[in-house]
Amino acid sequence: MVGEYVKGENNWTGLVGWGVTAAIAGSLGSLFGLFFGLFWALYCDRLVLQPQF
């Protein structure tokens, strides 16, 4: 798939497309990481606050 972009005439648009895809994937990954970290912190707080038997 990468080879097609490099060999084709739309080399520049292919690279821009890859950059946009990487930016979207990175922002989604960071959002997922943020929510997962928040969820994990709340989960750990609940475990700590529960009475120990």
N, C-alpha and C. Protein backbone atom coordinates (compact mmCIF):
# COMPACT_ATOMS: atom_id res chain seq x y z
N MET A 1 0.83 -1.20 0.00
CA MET A 1 0.00 0.00 0.00
C MET A 1 0.87 1.25 0.00
N VAL A 2 1.94 1.24 0.79
CA VAL A 2 2.83 2.40 0.80
C VAL A 2 3.52 2.52 -0.55
N GLY A 3 3.90 1.39 -1.14
CA GLY A 3 4.59 1.40 -2.42
C GLY A 3 3.76 2.05 -3.52
N GLU A 4 2.45 1.85 -3.48
CA GLU A 4 1.58 2.46 -4.48
C GLU A 4 1.63 3.98 -4.40
N TYR A 5 1.66 4.53 -3.19
CA TYR A 5 1.72 5.98 -3.04
C TYR A 5 3.06 6.51 -3.53
N VAL A 6 4.14 5.80 -3.24
CA VAL A 6 5.46 6.28 -3.62
C VAL A 6 5.63 6.22 -5.13
N LYS A 7 5.13 5.15 -5.78
CA LYS A 7 5.29 4.99 -7.22
C LYS A 7 4.33 5.86 -8.01
N GLY A 8 3.14 6.13 -7.44
CA GLY A 8 2.11 6.85 -8.18
C GLY A 8 2.41 8.33 -8.31
N GLU A 9 1.57 9.00 -9.12
CA GLU A 9 1.74 10.43 -9.32
C GLU A 9 1.34 11.21 -8.07
N ASN A 10 0.38 10.69 -7.32
CA ASN A 10 -0.09 11.42 -6.14
C ASN A 10 0.76 11.07 -4.93
N ASN A 11 2.06 11.26 -5.10
CA ASN A 11 3.01 10.99 -4.03
C ASN A 11 2.79 11.95 -2.87
N TRP A 12 2.65 13.24 -3.18
CA TRP A 12 2.51 14.26 -2.15
C TRP A 12 1.19 14.09 -1.40
N THR A 13 0.08 13.88 -2.14
CA THR A 13 -1.21 13.70 -1.48
C THR A 13 -1.21 12.42 -0.66
N GLY A 14 -0.47 11.42 -1.12
CA GLY A 14 -0.37 10.18 -0.34
C GLY A 14 0.31 10.44 0.99
N LEU A 15 1.40 11.20 0.96
CA LEU A 15 2.10 11.51 2.20
C LEU A 15 1.24 12.36 3.12
N VAL A 16 0.50 13.31 2.55
CA VAL A 16 -0.40 14.13 3.37
C VAL A 16 -1.49 13.25 3.96
N GLY A 17 -2.00 12.32 3.16
CA GLY A 17 -3.02 11.40 3.66
C GLY A 17 -2.50 10.57 4.82
N TRP A 18 -1.25 10.10 4.70
CA TRP A 18 -0.64 9.35 5.80
C TRP A 18 -0.49 10.22 7.03
N GLY A 19 -0.12 11.48 6.85
CA GLY A 19 0.03 12.39 7.98
C GLY A 19 -1.30 12.64 8.68
N VAL A 20 -2.36 12.85 7.89
CA VAL A 20 -3.69 13.06 8.48
C VAL A 20 -4.14 11.81 9.22
N THR A 21 -3.91 10.64 8.60
CA THR A 21 -4.28 9.38 9.25
C THR A 21 -3.52 9.21 10.55
N ALA A 22 -2.22 9.51 10.54
CA ALA A 22 -1.42 9.38 11.75
C ALA A 22 -1.88 10.36 12.82
N ALA A 23 -2.23 11.58 12.42
CA ALA A 23 -2.70 12.57 13.39
C ALA A 23 -4.02 12.13 14.02
N ILE A 24 -4.93 11.61 13.20
CA ILE A 24 -6.22 11.15 13.73
C ILE A 24 -6.00 9.96 14.66
N ALA A 25 -5.16 9.02 14.23
CA ALA A 25 -4.90 7.85 15.07
C ALA A 25 -4.22 8.26 16.37
N GLY A 26 -3.30 9.21 16.29
CA GLY A 26 -2.62 9.66 17.51
C GLY A 26 -3.56 10.36 18.47
N SER A 27 -4.46 11.19 17.93
CA SER A 27 -5.39 11.89 18.82
C SER A 27 -6.38 10.91 19.43
N LEU A 28 -6.82 9.93 18.64
CA LEU A 28 -7.73 8.92 19.20
C LEU A 28 -7.01 8.10 20.26
N GLY A 29 -5.74 7.77 19.99
CA GLY A 29 -4.98 7.01 20.97
C GLY A 29 -4.77 7.78 22.26
N SER A 30 -4.49 9.08 22.14
CA SER A 30 -4.28 9.87 23.35
C SER A 30 -5.58 10.05 24.11
N LEU A 31 -6.70 10.22 23.40
CA LEU A 31 -8.00 10.31 24.07
C LEU A 31 -8.32 9.01 24.79
N PHE A 32 -8.07 7.89 24.11
CA PHE A 32 -8.32 6.60 24.73
C PHE A 32 -7.44 6.42 25.96
N GLY A 33 -6.17 6.81 25.85
CA GLY A 33 -5.26 6.71 26.99
C GLY A 33 -5.70 7.58 28.14
N LEU A 34 -6.19 8.77 27.84
CA LEU A 34 -6.67 9.67 28.89
C LEU A 34 -7.87 9.08 29.61
N PHE A 35 -8.85 8.59 28.84
CA PHE A 35 -10.04 8.01 29.45
C PHE A 35 -9.70 6.74 30.22
N PHE A 36 -8.81 5.93 29.65
CA PHE A 36 -8.43 4.70 30.34
C PHE A 36 -7.71 5.02 31.65
N GLY A 37 -6.83 6.01 31.63
CA GLY A 37 -6.13 6.41 32.85
C GLY A 37 -7.09 6.94 33.90
N LEU A 38 -8.07 7.74 33.47
CA LEU A 38 -9.08 8.26 34.40
C LEU A 38 -9.91 7.13 34.99
N PHE A 39 -10.34 6.21 34.14
CA PHE A 39 -11.12 5.07 34.60
C PHE A 39 -10.32 4.22 35.57
N TRP A 40 -9.04 3.98 35.26
CA TRP A 40 -8.19 3.17 36.12
C TRP A 40 -7.98 3.85 37.48
N ALA A 41 -7.81 5.16 37.49
CA ALA A 41 -7.63 5.88 38.75
C ALA A 41 -8.90 5.79 39.60
N LEU A 42 -10.06 5.98 38.99
CA LEU A 42 -11.32 5.86 39.73
C LEU A 42 -11.52 4.44 40.25
N TYR A 43 -11.16 3.46 39.43
CA TYR A 43 -11.30 2.06 39.84
C TYR A 43 -10.41 1.76 41.04
N CYS A 44 -9.18 2.23 41.01
CA CYS A 44 -8.25 2.01 42.12
C CYS A 44 -8.73 2.75 43.37
N ASP A 45 -9.27 3.95 43.21
CA ASP A 45 -9.81 4.68 44.35
C ASP A 45 -10.95 3.91 44.99
N ARG A 46 -11.82 3.33 44.17
CA ARG A 46 -12.92 2.54 44.72
C ARG A 46 -12.39 1.33 45.48
N LEU A 47 -11.36 0.68 44.96
CA LEU A 47 -10.79 -0.47 45.65
C LEU A 47 -10.21 -0.05 46.99
N VAL A 48 -9.55 1.09 47.03
CA VAL A 48 -8.91 1.56 48.27
C VAL A 48 -9.97 1.98 49.28
N LEU A 49 -11.06 2.60 48.80
CA LEU A 49 -12.08 3.10 49.71
C LEU A 49 -13.00 2.01 50.24
N GLN A 50 -13.03 0.86 49.57
CA GLN A 50 -13.88 -0.23 50.05
C GLN A 50 -13.35 -0.76 51.37
N PRO A 51 -14.23 -1.12 52.31
CA PRO A 51 -13.77 -1.68 53.58
C PRO A 51 -13.12 -3.04 53.36
N GLN A 52 -12.02 -3.25 54.02
CA GLN A 52 -11.28 -4.51 53.89
C GLN A 52 -11.83 -5.53 54.89
N PHE A 53 -12.09 -6.74 54.43
CA PHE A 53 -12.62 -7.78 55.31
C PHE A 53 -11.50 -8.67 55.81
